[in-house]
Amino acid sequence: MKVFSFLKWTPFVLLLSLAPFRLLTASAQSTEGEPILTEKQLKGKNIFMQRCSLCHLPKVLKQTYQPVGPILERLEDDPAAEEAAREFILKGSANMPGFQYTLDRSEVDALIAYLEGLR
């Protein structure tokens, strides 16, 4: 009985696991009004989609959950704002895990470059 239950949900799980990939491939191409991402920003977007999107993106499909964290907006191109964002990403908070042990400096730099490019 449990095997049949698993098989019933497999297509749904596969669809959800491919949704972030679809967002990456669709938005990596330039469309009208959408800026072309640099290689560093694209790397940051990939990290964002893997590590941050579950909590910081609005509903993409007709899902019933609400985002846990705030919807992120463009990070100001200011050294103080960059340093504060870097500290927050690395250390985390009571509601967000820190990534100091899972992201290296270049990955955090790429993530910040992507956040600076958001509209």
Protein backbone atom coordinates (compact mmCIF):
# COMPACT_ATOMS: atom_id res chain seq x y z
CA MET A 1 0.00 0.00 0.00
CA LYS A 2 2.83 2.43 0.85
CA VAL A 3 4.57 1.71 -2.46
CA PHE A 4 1.48 2.71 -4.40
CA SER A 5 1.18 5.89 -2.34
CA PHE A 6 4.77 6.81 -3.22
CA LEU A 7 4.19 6.15 -6.91
CA LYS A 8 1.09 8.33 -6.83
CA TRP A 9 3.09 11.37 -5.61
CA THR A 10 6.22 10.83 -7.75
CA PRO A 11 5.08 12.96 -10.74
CA PHE A 12 4.09 15.82 -8.41
CA VAL A 13 7.46 15.71 -6.60
CA LEU A 14 9.31 15.68 -9.92
CA LEU A 15 7.32 18.66 -11.15
CA LEU A 16 8.13 20.67 -8.02
CA SER A 17 11.80 19.73 -8.13
CA LEU A 18 12.08 20.94 -11.74
CA ALA A 19 10.23 24.25 -11.14
CA PRO A 20 13.30 26.17 -9.85
CA PHE A 21 15.36 24.85 -12.78
CA ARG A 22 12.68 26.09 -15.18
CA LEU A 23 12.82 29.51 -13.56
CA LEU A 24 16.59 29.60 -13.95
CA THR A 25 16.63 28.63 -17.60
CA ALA A 26 13.73 30.89 -18.53
CA SER A 27 15.02 33.98 -16.75
CA ALA A 28 18.68 33.55 -17.72
CA GLN A 29 17.68 34.60 -21.22
CA SER A 30 17.13 38.27 -21.83
CA THR A 31 13.57 39.33 -22.53
CA GLU A 32 12.19 42.80 -23.03
CA GLY A 33 12.95 44.99 -20.04
CA GLU A 34 14.95 42.30 -18.25
CA PRO A 35 18.68 43.00 -17.87
CA ILE A 36 21.25 40.45 -18.99
CA LEU A 37 23.01 38.93 -16.00
CA THR A 38 26.77 38.82 -15.76
CA GLU A 39 28.45 35.48 -15.11
CA LYS A 40 28.90 36.40 -11.43
CA GLN A 41 25.24 37.46 -11.09
CA LEU A 42 24.09 34.25 -12.78
CA LYS A 43 26.16 32.23 -10.31
CA GLY A 44 24.55 34.25 -7.51
CA LYS A 45 21.10 33.62 -8.95
CA ASN A 46 21.80 29.89 -9.01
CA ILE A 47 22.86 30.01 -5.36
CA PHE A 48 19.78 32.08 -4.51
CA MET A 49 17.48 29.58 -6.23
CA GLN A 50 19.14 26.65 -4.44
CA ARG A 51 19.51 28.11 -0.96
CA CYS A 52 17.14 31.08 -0.57
CA SER A 53 14.19 30.77 -2.93
CA LEU A 54 12.02 28.55 -0.75
CA CYS A 55 11.74 31.29 1.87
CA HIS A 56 12.29 34.46 -0.18
CA LEU A 57 10.34 34.03 -3.42
CA PRO A 58 6.64 34.62 -3.94
CA LYS A 59 4.43 31.72 -4.92
CA VAL A 60 5.40 30.57 -8.41
CA LEU A 61 2.87 27.79 -8.82
CA LYS A 62 -0.57 27.65 -7.24
CA GLN A 63 0.86 26.57 -3.93
CA THR A 64 -0.79 27.04 -0.60
CA TYR A 65 2.20 28.16 1.45
CA GLN A 66 3.19 31.74 2.11
CA PRO A 67 6.88 32.73 1.91
CA VAL A 68 8.59 32.42 5.28
CA GLY A 69 11.01 35.31 4.79
CA PRO A 70 10.54 38.70 3.19
CA ILE A 71 10.47 38.99 -0.59
CA LEU A 72 13.91 40.40 -1.34
CA GLU A 73 14.32 43.62 -3.25
CA ARG A 74 17.34 45.23 -4.79
CA LEU A 75 20.31 45.63 -2.48
CA GLU A 76 21.72 49.16 -2.51
CA ASP A 77 25.10 49.55 -4.19
CA ASP A 78 26.64 50.79 -0.94
CA PRO A 79 29.61 49.21 0.87
CA ALA A 80 27.84 49.44 4.24
CA ALA A 81 24.72 47.72 2.86
CA GLU A 82 26.87 45.04 1.21
CA GLU A 83 28.73 44.37 4.46
CA ALA A 84 25.47 44.19 6.44
CA ALA A 85 24.00 41.77 3.88
CA ARG A 86 27.19 39.66 3.94
CA GLU A 87 27.08 39.49 7.75
CA PHE A 88 23.40 38.53 7.73
CA ILE A 89 23.92 35.83 5.09
CA LEU A 90 26.85 34.33 6.98
CA LYS A 91 25.55 34.58 10.55
CA GLY A 92 21.80 34.29 9.95
CA SER A 93 19.22 35.19 12.56
CA ALA A 94 16.61 33.54 14.75
CA ASN A 95 14.44 32.94 11.66
CA MET A 96 17.14 32.34 9.04
CA PRO A 97 20.01 29.85 9.04
CA GLY A 98 23.53 31.18 8.65
CA PHE A 99 25.57 30.01 5.67
CA GLN A 100 29.08 30.61 7.04
CA TYR A 101 29.91 26.90 6.87
CA THR A 102 28.25 26.12 3.54
CA LEU A 103 29.08 29.11 1.29
CA ASP A 104 32.59 30.30 0.55
CA ARG A 105 33.56 33.94 -0.01
CA SER A 106 33.19 33.83 -3.81
CA GLU A 107 29.69 32.35 -3.50
CA VAL A 108 28.62 35.06 -1.06
CA ASP A 109 30.10 37.70 -3.39
CA ALA A 110 28.12 36.24 -6.30
CA LEU A 111 24.94 36.16 -4.21
CA ILE A 112 25.40 39.83 -3.26
CA ALA A 113 26.09 40.74 -6.91
CA TYR A 114 22.80 39.08 -7.85
CA LEU A 115 20.92 40.90 -5.08
CA GLU A 116 22.36 44.22 -6.28
CA GLY A 117 20.98 43.50 -9.74
CA LEU A 118 17.40 42.85 -8.62
CA ARG A 119 14.77 45.38 -9.65
